[in-house]
Amino acid sequence: MSKFVRSGVAAAAATCLALLIPTVSQAEECRDFAAVGSGLNESIATLMAKQGAVNVAEGRGYEVKGEAKLVSCAESGIFGTECTARTHACKRIN
């Protein structure tokens, strides 16, 4: 093989190796999202609050990390119980 062909093969191999190496992790923007849920009992209110927090995050383009956590519940007027939940979510920044 000539020097020119060998240098071309070496350059192609180096390019292939560079493409196989994972890129540096991209920056992420992370936030907490909260939601309030109400229901006739604490079980229903908790479910509504947790799912609401997940829905808000996903609706804004974030990926939820872990499960939503219940913050508090309180007895309220007509609906019986009102609960608040939070979730942590992140999205990549381009």
PDB file of N, CA and C in Angstrom:
ATOM      1  N   MET A   1       0.833  -1.192   0.000  1.00  0.00           N
ATOM      2  CA  MET A   1       0.000   0.000   0.000  1.00  0.00           C
ATOM      3  C   MET A   1       0.869   1.245   0.000  1.00  0.00           C
ATOM      4  N   SER A   2       0.394   2.231  -0.672  1.00  0.00           N
ATOM      5  CA  SER A   2       1.140   3.478  -0.690  1.00  0.00           C
ATOM      6  C   SER A   2       0.862   4.272   0.576  1.00  0.00           C
ATOM      7  N   LYS A   3       1.709   5.256   0.815  1.00  0.00           N
ATOM      8  CA  LYS A   3       1.536   6.100   1.996  1.00  0.00           C
ATOM      9  C   LYS A   3       0.195   6.820   1.966  1.00  0.00           C
ATOM     10  N   PHE A   4      -0.214   7.242   0.796  1.00  0.00           N
ATOM     11  CA  PHE A   4      -1.467   7.981   0.646  1.00  0.00           C
ATOM     12  C   PHE A   4      -2.661   7.113   1.045  1.00  0.00           C
ATOM     13  N   VAL A   5      -2.680   5.869   0.629  1.00  0.00           N
ATOM     14  CA  VAL A   5      -3.778   4.954   0.948  1.00  0.00           C
ATOM     15  C   VAL A   5      -3.774   4.644   2.437  1.00  0.00           C
ATOM     16  N   ARG A   6      -2.566   4.409   3.005  1.00  0.00           N
ATOM     17  CA  ARG A   6      -2.484   4.113   4.435  1.00  0.00           C
ATOM     18  C   ARG A   6      -2.975   5.281   5.283  1.00  0.00           C
ATOM     19  N   SER A   7      -2.632   6.491   4.896  1.00  0.00           N
ATOM     20  CA  SER A   7      -3.078   7.657   5.669  1.00  0.00           C
ATOM     21  C   SER A   7      -4.590   7.842   5.535  1.00  0.00           C
ATOM     22  N   GLY A   8      -5.144   7.515   4.373  1.00  0.00           N
ATOM     23  CA  GLY A   8      -6.595   7.594   4.189  1.00  0.00           C
ATOM     24  C   GLY A   8      -7.328   6.571   5.041  1.00  0.00           C
ATOM     25  N   VAL A   9      -6.789   5.349   5.103  1.00  0.00           N
ATOM     26  CA  VAL A   9      -7.383   4.296   5.932  1.00  0.00           C
ATOM     27  C   VAL A   9      -7.299   4.687   7.402  1.00  0.00           C
ATOM     28  N   ALA A  10      -6.170   5.227   7.815  1.00  0.00           N
ATOM     29  CA  ALA A  10      -5.992   5.646   9.211  1.00  0.00           C
ATOM     30  C   ALA A  10      -6.962   6.767   9.559  1.00  0.00           C
ATOM     31  N   ALA A  11      -7.153   7.702   8.654  1.00  0.00           N
ATOM     32  CA  ALA A  11      -8.092   8.800   8.899  1.00  0.00           C
ATOM     33  C   ALA A  11      -9.527   8.288   8.998  1.00  0.00           C
ATOM     34  N   ALA A  12      -9.887   7.349   8.153  1.00  0.00           N
ATOM     35  CA  ALA A  12     -11.239   6.779   8.195  1.00  0.00           C
ATOM     36  C   ALA A  12     -11.457   6.011   9.499  1.00  0.00           C
ATOM     37  N   ALA A  13     -10.450   5.265   9.933  1.00  0.00           N
ATOM     38  CA  ALA A  13     -10.563   4.521  11.190  1.00  0.00           C
ATOM     39  C   ALA A  13     -10.696   5.481  12.374  1.00  0.00           C
ATOM     40  N   ALA A  14      -9.934   6.557  12.367  1.00  0.00           N
ATOM     41  CA  ALA A  14     -10.017   7.540  13.456  1.00  0.00           C
ATOM     42  C   ALA A  14     -11.391   8.195  13.492  1.00  0.00           C
ATOM     43  N   THR A  15     -11.948   8.473  12.320  1.00  0.00           N
ATOM     44  CA  THR A  15     -13.287   9.064  12.248  1.00  0.00           C
ATOM     45  C   THR A  15     -14.338   8.101  12.804  1.00  0.00           C
ATOM     46  N   CYS A  16     -14.232   6.833  12.450  1.00  0.00           N
ATOM     47  CA  CYS A  16     -15.179   5.833  12.954  1.00  0.00           C
ATOM     48  C   CYS A  16     -15.087   5.715  14.470  1.00  0.00           C
ATOM     49  N   LEU A  17     -13.884   5.715  15.009  1.00  0.00           N
ATOM     50  CA  LEU A  17     -13.714   5.644  16.462  1.00  0.00           C
ATOM     51  C   LEU A  17     -14.307   6.875  17.142  1.00  0.00           C
ATOM     52  N   ALA A  18     -14.126   8.020  16.553  1.00  0.00           N
ATOM     53  CA  ALA A  18     -14.672   9.246  17.132  1.00  0.00           C
ATOM     54  C   ALA A  18     -16.201   9.209  17.167  1.00  0.00           C
ATOM     55  N   LEU A  19     -16.806   8.592  16.166  1.00  0.00           N
ATOM     56  CA  LEU A  19     -18.269   8.494  16.138  1.00  0.00           C
ATOM     57  C   LEU A  19     -18.798   7.490  17.160  1.00  0.00           C
ATOM     58  N   LEU A  20     -17.987   6.505  17.526  1.00  0.00           N
ATOM     59  CA  LEU A  20     -18.420   5.496  18.481  1.00  0.00           C
ATOM     60  C   LEU A  20     -18.334   5.977  19.929  1.00  0.00           C
ATOM     61  N   ILE A  21     -17.487   6.944  20.192  1.00  0.00           N
ATOM     62  CA  ILE A  21     -17.332   7.453  21.559  1.00  0.00           C
ATOM     63  C   ILE A  21     -18.570   8.264  21.915  1.00  0.00           C
ATOM     64  N   PRO A  22     -19.183   7.991  23.069  1.00  0.00           N
ATOM     65  CA  PRO A  22     -20.377   8.748  23.441  1.00  0.00           C
ATOM     66  C   PRO A  22     -20.053  10.227  23.628  1.00  0.00           C
ATOM     67  N   THR A  23     -20.995  11.038  23.257  1.00  0.00           N
ATOM     68  CA  THR A  23     -20.796  12.478  23.387  1.00  0.00           C
ATOM     69  C   THR A  23     -20.883  12.884  24.845  1.00  0.00           C
ATOM     70  N   VAL A  24     -20.346  14.035  25.133  1.00  0.00           N
ATOM     71  CA  VAL A  24     -20.415  14.580  26.490  1.00  0.00           C
ATOM     72  C   VAL A  24     -21.881  14.801  26.832  1.00  0.00           C
ATOM     73  N   SER A  25     -22.255  14.462  28.063  1.00  0.00           N
ATOM     74  CA  SER A  25     -23.669  14.574  28.435  1.00  0.00           C
ATOM     75  C   SER A  25     -24.162  16.003  28.244  1.00  0.00           C
ATOM     76  N   GLN A  26     -25.363  16.101  27.753  1.00  0.00           N
ATOM     77  CA  GLN A  26     -25.947  17.408  27.489  1.00  0.00           C
ATOM     78  C   GLN A  26     -26.527  17.974  28.775  1.00  0.00           C
ATOM     79  N   ALA A  27     -26.606  19.272  28.836  1.00  0.00           N
ATOM     80  CA  ALA A  27     -27.143  19.932  30.017  1.00  0.00           C
ATOM     81  C   ALA A  27     -28.641  19.672  30.131  1.00  0.00           C
ATOM     82  N   GLU A  28     -29.122  19.592  31.362  1.00  0.00           N
ATOM     83  CA  GLU A  28     -30.543  19.392  31.610  1.00  0.00           C
ATOM     84  C   GLU A  28     -31.075  20.522  32.479  1.00  0.00           C
ATOM     85  N   GLU A  29     -32.300  20.875  32.220  1.00  0.00           N
ATOM     86  CA  GLU A  29     -33.006  21.834  33.063  1.00  0.00           C
ATOM     87  C   GLU A  29     -33.985  21.031  33.911  1.00  0.00           C
ATOM     88  N   CYS A  30     -33.856  21.125  35.232  1.00  0.00           N
ATOM     89  CA  CYS A  30     -34.720  20.365  36.136  1.00  0.00           C
ATOM     90  C   CYS A  30     -35.562  21.305  36.986  1.00  0.00           C
ATOM     91  N   ARG A  31     -36.791  20.897  37.264  1.00  0.00           N
ATOM     92  CA  ARG A  31     -37.722  21.685  38.068  1.00  0.00           C
ATOM     93  C   ARG A  31     -38.608  20.767  38.882  1.00  0.00           C
ATOM     94  N   ASP A  32     -39.228  21.351  39.880  1.00  0.00           N
ATOM     95  CA  ASP A  32     -40.271  20.659  40.636  1.00  0.00           C
ATOM     96  C   ASP A  32     -41.621  21.176  40.154  1.00  0.00           C
ATOM     97  N   PHE A  33     -42.577  20.273  40.044  1.00  0.00           N
ATOM     98  CA  PHE A  33     -43.932  20.629  39.649  1.00  0.00           C
ATOM     99  C   PHE A  33     -44.879  20.199  40.755  1.00  0.00           C
ATOM    100  N   ALA A  34     -45.899  21.007  41.006  1.00  0.00           N
ATOM    101  CA  ALA A  34     -46.871  20.693  42.058  1.00  0.00           C
ATOM    102  C   ALA A  34     -48.275  20.708  41.475  1.00  0.00           C
ATOM    103  N   ALA A  35     -49.154  19.964  42.126  1.00  0.00           N
ATOM    104  CA  ALA A  35     -50.561  19.936  41.721  1.00  0.00           C
ATOM    105  C   ALA A  35     -51.414  19.649  42.956  1.00  0.00           C
ATOM    106  N   VAL A  36     -52.652  20.076  42.876  1.00  0.00           N
ATOM    107  CA  VAL A  36     -53.621  19.851  43.945  1.00  0.00           C
ATOM    108  C   VAL A  36     -54.711  18.940  43.405  1.00  0.00           C
ATOM    109  N   GLY A  37     -55.098  17.963  44.210  1.00  0.00           N
ATOM    110  CA  GLY A  37     -56.184  17.063  43.827  1.00  0.00           C
ATOM    111  C   GLY A  37     -57.215  17.006  44.935  1.00  0.00           C
ATOM    112  N   SER A  38     -58.463  16.883  44.566  1.00  0.00           N
ATOM    113  CA  SER A  38     -59.521  16.809  45.583  1.00  0.00           C
ATOM    114  C   SER A  38     -60.396  15.600  45.302  1.00  0.00           C
ATOM    115  N   GLY A  39     -61.000  15.087  46.381  1.00  0.00           N
ATOM    116  CA  GLY A  39     -61.851  13.927  46.239  1.00  0.00           C
ATOM    117  C   GLY A  39     -62.686  13.702  47.483  1.00  0.00           C
ATOM    118  N   LEU A  40     -63.573  12.731  47.402  1.00  0.00           N
ATOM    119  CA  LEU A  40     -64.452  12.438  48.527  1.00  0.00           C
ATOM    120  C   LEU A  40     -63.698  11.866  49.721  1.00  0.00           C
ATOM    121  N   ASN A  41     -62.565  11.185  49.450  1.00  0.00           N
ATOM    122  CA  ASN A  41     -61.744  10.697  50.556  1.00  0.00           C
ATOM    123  C   ASN A  41     -60.271  10.962  50.237  1.00  0.00           C
ATOM    124  N   GLU A  42     -59.397  10.674  51.198  1.00  0.00           N
ATOM    125  CA  GLU A  42     -57.978  10.976  51.037  1.00  0.00           C
ATOM    126  C   GLU A  42     -57.326  10.147  49.931  1.00  0.00           C
ATOM    127  N   SER A  43     -57.775   8.936  49.743  1.00  0.00           N
ATOM    128  CA  SER A  43     -57.211   8.063  48.716  1.00  0.00           C
ATOM    129  C   SER A  43     -57.410   8.644  47.314  1.00  0.00           C
ATOM    130  N   ILE A  44     -58.596   9.093  47.039  1.00  0.00           N
ATOM    131  CA  ILE A  44     -58.892   9.674  45.716  1.00  0.00           C
ATOM    132  C   ILE A  44     -58.155  10.995  45.538  1.00  0.00           C
ATOM    133  N   ALA A  45     -58.146  11.824  46.567  1.00  0.00           N
ATOM    134  CA  ALA A  45     -57.464  13.115  46.482  1.00  0.00           C
ATOM    135  C   ALA A  45     -55.962  12.930  46.266  1.00  0.00           C
ATOM    136  N   THR A  46     -55.368  11.928  46.923  1.00  0.00           N
ATOM    137  CA  THR A  46     -53.941  11.647  46.755  1.00  0.00           C
ATOM    138  C   THR A  46     -53.646  11.217  45.320  1.00  0.00           C
ATOM    139  N   LEU A  47     -54.447  10.319  44.801  1.00  0.00           N
ATOM    140  CA  LEU A  47     -54.280   9.859  43.420  1.00  0.00           C
ATOM    141  C   LEU A  47     -54.379  11.026  42.437  1.00  0.00           C
ATOM    142  N   MET A  48     -55.364  11.862  42.609  1.00  0.00           N
ATOM    143  CA  MET A  48     -55.555  13.004  41.701  1.00  0.00           C
ATOM    144  C   MET A  48     -54.381  13.985  41.780  1.00  0.00           C
ATOM    145  N   ALA A  49     -53.880  14.236  42.979  1.00  0.00           N
ATOM    146  CA  ALA A  49     -52.765  15.176  43.139  1.00  0.00           C
ATOM    147  C   ALA A  49     -51.485  14.632  42.519  1.00  0.00           C
ATOM    148  N   LYS A  50     -51.165  13.382  42.806  1.00  0.00           N
ATOM    149  CA  LYS A  50     -49.937  12.799  42.260  1.00  0.00           C
ATOM    150  C   LYS A  50     -49.974  12.729  40.739  1.00  0.00           C
ATOM    151  N   GLN A  51     -51.074  12.254  40.186  1.00  0.00           N
ATOM    152  CA  GLN A  51     -51.164  12.151  38.729  1.00  0.00           C
ATOM    153  C   GLN A  51     -51.198  13.537  38.093  1.00  0.00           C
ATOM    154  N   GLY A  52     -51.805  14.485  38.771  1.00  0.00           N
ATOM    155  CA  GLY A  52     -51.824  15.859  38.260  1.00  0.00           C
ATOM    156  C   GLY A  52     -50.435  16.446  38.156  1.00  0.00           C
ATOM    157  N   ALA A  53     -49.583  16.203  39.160  1.00  0.00           N
ATOM    158  CA  ALA A  53     -48.210  16.716  39.130  1.00  0.00           C
ATOM    159  C   ALA A  53     -47.427  16.102  37.969  1.00  0.00           C
ATOM    160  N   VAL A  54     -47.617  14.813  37.733  1.00  0.00           N
ATOM    161  CA  VAL A  54     -46.950  14.136  36.617  1.00  0.00           C
ATOM    162  C   VAL A  54     -47.462  14.688  35.286  1.00  0.00           C
ATOM    163  N   ASN A  55     -48.760  14.875  35.171  1.00  0.00           N
ATOM    164  CA  ASN A  55     -49.348  15.387  33.924  1.00  0.00           C
ATOM    165  C   ASN A  55     -48.859  16.793  33.599  1.00  0.00           C
ATOM    166  N   VAL A  56     -48.734  17.648  34.608  1.00  0.00           N
ATOM    167  CA  VAL A  56     -48.250  19.018  34.377  1.00  0.00           C
ATOM    168  C   VAL A  56     -46.828  18.973  33.833  1.00  0.00           C
ATOM    169  N   ALA A  57     -45.959  18.176  34.457  1.00  0.00           N
ATOM    170  CA  ALA A  57     -44.564  18.087  34.020  1.00  0.00           C
ATOM    171  C   ALA A  57     -44.462  17.553  32.596  1.00  0.00           C
ATOM    172  N   GLU A  58     -45.157  16.456  32.321  1.00  0.00           N
ATOM    173  CA  GLU A  58     -45.086  15.867  30.984  1.00  0.00           C
ATOM    174  C   GLU A  58     -45.719  16.759  29.931  1.00  0.00           C
ATOM    175  N   GLY A  59     -46.742  17.479  30.300  1.00  0.00           N
ATOM    176  CA  GLY A  59     -47.395  18.397  29.374  1.00  0.00           C
ATOM    177  C   GLY A  59     -46.505  19.548  28.954  1.00  0.00           C
ATOM    178  N   ARG A  60     -45.519  19.859  29.781  1.00  0.00           N
ATOM    179  CA  ARG A  60     -44.573  20.938  29.460  1.00  0.00           C
ATOM    180  C   ARG A  60     -43.275  20.417  28.859  1.00  0.00           C
ATOM    181  N   GLY A  61     -43.256  19.132  28.519  1.00  0.00           N
ATOM    182  CA  GLY A  61     -42.101  18.567  27.830  1.00  0.00           C
ATOM    183  C   GLY A  61     -41.007  18.040  28.738  1.00  0.00           C
ATOM    184  N   TYR A  62     -41.265  17.873  30.017  1.00  0.00           N
ATOM    185  CA  TYR A  62     -40.269  17.371  30.947  1.00  0.00           C
ATOM    186  C   TYR A  62     -40.454  15.873  31.145  1.00  0.00           C
ATOM    187  N   GLU A  63     -39.368  15.194  31.511  1.00  0.00           N
ATOM    188  CA  GLU A  63     -39.407  13.766  31.811  1.00  0.00           C
ATOM    189  C   GLU A  63     -39.323  13.598  33.322  1.00  0.00           C
ATOM    190  N   VAL A  64     -40.327  12.968  33.894  1.00  0.00           N
ATOM    191  CA  VAL A  64     -40.424  12.822  35.341  1.00  0.00           C
ATOM    192  C   VAL A  64     -39.362  11.846  35.835  1.00  0.00           C
ATOM    193  N   LYS A  65     -38.670  12.232  36.909  1.00  0.00           N
ATOM    194  CA  LYS A  65     -37.652  11.391  37.540  1.00  0.00           C
ATOM    195  C   LYS A  65     -38.223  10.862  38.853  1.00  0.00           C
ATOM    196  N   GLY A  66     -38.485   9.586  38.931  1.00  0.00           N
ATOM    197  CA  GLY A  66     -39.030   9.000  40.158  1.00  0.00           C
ATOM    198  C   GLY A  66     -40.538   9.180  40.237  1.00  0.00           C
ATOM    199  N   GLU A  67     -41.065   8.958  41.430  1.00  0.00           N
ATOM    200  CA  GLU A  67     -42.507   9.059  41.648  1.00  0.00           C
ATOM    201  C   GLU A  67     -42.874  10.410  42.244  1.00  0.00           C
ATOM    202  N   ALA A  68     -44.112  10.802  42.042  1.00  0.00           N
ATOM    203  CA  ALA A  68     -44.629  12.008  42.675  1.00  0.00           C
ATOM    204  C   ALA A  68     -44.765  11.748  44.170  1.00  0.00           C
ATOM    205  N   LYS A  69     -44.491  12.768  44.978  1.00  0.00           N
ATOM    206  CA  LYS A  69     -44.550  12.628  46.427  1.00  0.00           C
ATOM    207  C   LYS A  69     -45.678  13.480  46.998  1.00  0.00           C
ATOM    208  N   LEU A  70     -46.400  12.905  47.913  1.00  0.00           N
ATOM    209  CA  LEU A  70     -47.488  13.607  48.580  1.00  0.00           C
ATOM    210  C   LEU A  70     -46.906  14.612  49.560  1.00  0.00           C
ATOM    211  N   VAL A  71     -47.359  15.865  49.483  1.00  0.00           N
ATOM    212  CA  VAL A  71     -46.875  16.912  50.388  1.00  0.00           C
ATOM    213  C   VAL A  71     -47.781  17.024  51.602  1.00  0.00           C
ATOM    214  N   SER A  72     -49.080  17.181  51.362  1.00  0.00           N
ATOM    215  CA  SER A  72     -50.010  17.330  52.483  1.00  0.00           C
ATOM    216  C   SER A  72     -51.436  17.074  52.026  1.00  0.00           C
ATOM    217  N   CYS A  73     -52.294  16.800  52.996  1.00  0.00           N
ATOM    218  CA  CYS A  73     -53.731  16.645  52.756  1.00  0.00           C
ATOM    219  C   CYS A  73     -54.485  17.396  53.852  1.00  0.00           C
ATOM    220  N   ALA A  74     -55.612  17.961  53.465  1.00  0.00           N
ATOM    221  CA  ALA A  74     -56.435  18.681  54.437  1.00  0.00           C
ATOM    222  C   ALA A  74     -57.905  18.482  54.082  1.00  0.00           C
ATOM    223  N   GLU A  75     -58.734  18.463  55.100  1.00  0.00           N
ATOM    224  CA  GLU A  75     -60.179  18.374  54.899  1.00  0.00           C
ATOM    225  C   GLU A  75     -60.653  19.706  54.325  1.00  0.00           C
ATOM    226  N   SER A  76     -61.493  19.640  53.296  1.00  0.00           N
ATOM    227  CA  SER A  76     -62.027  20.869  52.712  1.00  0.00           C
ATOM    228  C   SER A  76     -63.543  20.779  52.676  1.00  0.00           C
ATOM    229  N   GLY A  77     -64.171  21.800  52.192  1.00  0.00           N
ATOM    230  CA  GLY A  77     -65.620  21.895  52.218  1.00  0.00           C
ATOM    231  C   GLY A  77     -66.359  20.845  51.420  1.00  0.00           C
ATOM    232  N   ILE A  78     -66.780  21.163  50.235  1.00  0.00           N
ATOM    233  CA  ILE A  78     -67.671  20.331  49.432  1.00  0.00           C
ATOM    234  C   ILE A  78     -67.001  19.033  48.983  1.00  0.00           C
ATOM    235  N   PHE A  79     -65.751  19.079  48.584  1.00  0.00           N
ATOM    236  CA  PHE A  79     -65.101  17.917  47.994  1.00  0.00           C
ATOM    237  C   PHE A  79     -64.524  16.947  49.016  1.00  0.00           C
ATOM    238  N   GLY A  80     -64.560  17.244  50.268  1.00  0.00           N
ATOM    239  CA  GLY A  80     -64.097  16.324  51.292  1.00  0.00           C
ATOM    240  C   GLY A  80     -62.642  16.497  51.651  1.00  0.00           C
ATOM    241  N   THR A  81     -61.728  16.122  50.775  1.00  0.00           N
ATOM    242  CA  THR A  81     -60.296  16.190  51.068  1.00  0.00           C
ATOM    243  C   THR A  81     -59.557  16.808  49.890  1.00  0.00           C
ATOM    244  N   GLU A  82     -58.535  17.584  50.217  1.00  0.00           N
ATOM    245  CA  GLU A  82     -57.707  18.227  49.201  1.00  0.00           C
ATOM    246  C   GLU A  82     -56.251  17.915  49.516  1.00  0.00           C
ATOM    247  N   CYS A  83     -55.524  17.363  48.546  1.00  0.00           N
ATOM    248  CA  CYS A  83     -54.122  16.983  48.742  1.00  0.00           C
ATOM    249  C   CYS A  83     -53.223  17.713  47.745  1.00  0.00           C
ATOM    250  N   THR A  84     -51.970  17.912  48.151  1.00  0.00           N
ATOM    251  CA  THR A  84     -50.968  18.539  47.296  1.00  0.00           C
ATOM    252  C   THR A  84     -49.833  17.543  47.088  1.00  0.00           C
ATOM    253  N   ALA A  85     -49.343  17.443  45.853  1.00  0.00           N
ATOM    254  CA  ALA A  85     -48.228  16.542  45.528  1.00  0.00           C
ATOM    255  C   ALA A  85     -47.210  17.285  44.678  1.00  0.00           C
ATOM    256  N   ARG A  86     -45.968  16.798  44.742  1.00  0.00           N
ATOM    257  CA  ARG A  86     -44.878  17.373  43.946  1.00  0.00           C
ATOM    258  C   ARG A  86     -44.156  16.259  43.211  1.00  0.00           C
ATOM    259  N   THR A  87     -43.580  16.626  42.074  1.00  0.00           N
ATOM    260  CA  THR A  87     -42.726  15.696  41.337  1.00  0.00           C
ATOM    261  C   THR A  87     -41.543  16.464  40.780  1.00  0.00           C
ATOM    262  N   HIS A  88     -40.426  15.760  40.586  1.00  0.00           N
ATOM    263  CA  HIS A  88     -39.206  16.350  40.042  1.00  0.00           C
ATOM    264  C   HIS A  88     -39.064  15.858  38.610  1.00  0.00           C
ATOM    265  N   ALA A  89     -38.784  16.790  37.681  1.00  0.00           N
ATOM    266  CA  ALA A  89     -38.687  16.425  36.262  1.00  0.00           C
ATOM    267  C   ALA A  89     -37.608  17.239  35.582  1.00  0.00           C
ATOM    268  N   CYS A  90     -37.037  16.667  34.532  1.00  0.00           N
ATOM    269  CA  CYS A  90     -35.957  17.323  33.801  1.00  0.00           C
ATOM    270  C   CYS A  90     -36.209  17.243  32.292  1.00  0.00           C
ATOM    271  N   LYS A  91     -35.601  18.172  31.552  1.00  0.00           N
ATOM    272  CA  LYS A  91     -35.596  18.082  30.091  1.00  0.00           C
ATOM    273  C   LYS A  91     -34.258  18.571  29.586  1.00  0.00           C
ATOM    274  N   ARG A  92     -33.847  18.023  28.457  1.00  0.00           N
ATOM    275  CA  ARG A  92     -32.557  18.393  27.884  1.00  0.00           C
ATOM    276  C   ARG A  92     -32.634  19.751  27.230  1.00  0.00           C
ATOM    277  N   ILE A  93     -31.553  20.475  27.375  1.00  0.00           N
ATOM    278  CA  ILE A  93     -31.435  21.794  26.736  1.00  0.00           C
ATOM    279  C   ILE A  93     -30.582  21.611  25.494  1.00  0.00           C
ATOM    280  N   ASN A  94     -31.077  22.079  24.360  1.00  0.00           N
ATOM    281  CA  ASN A  94     -30.320  21.920  23.101  1.00  0.00           C
ATOM    282  C   ASN A  94     -29.212  22.901  22.996  1.00  0.00           C
TER     283      ASN A  94
END
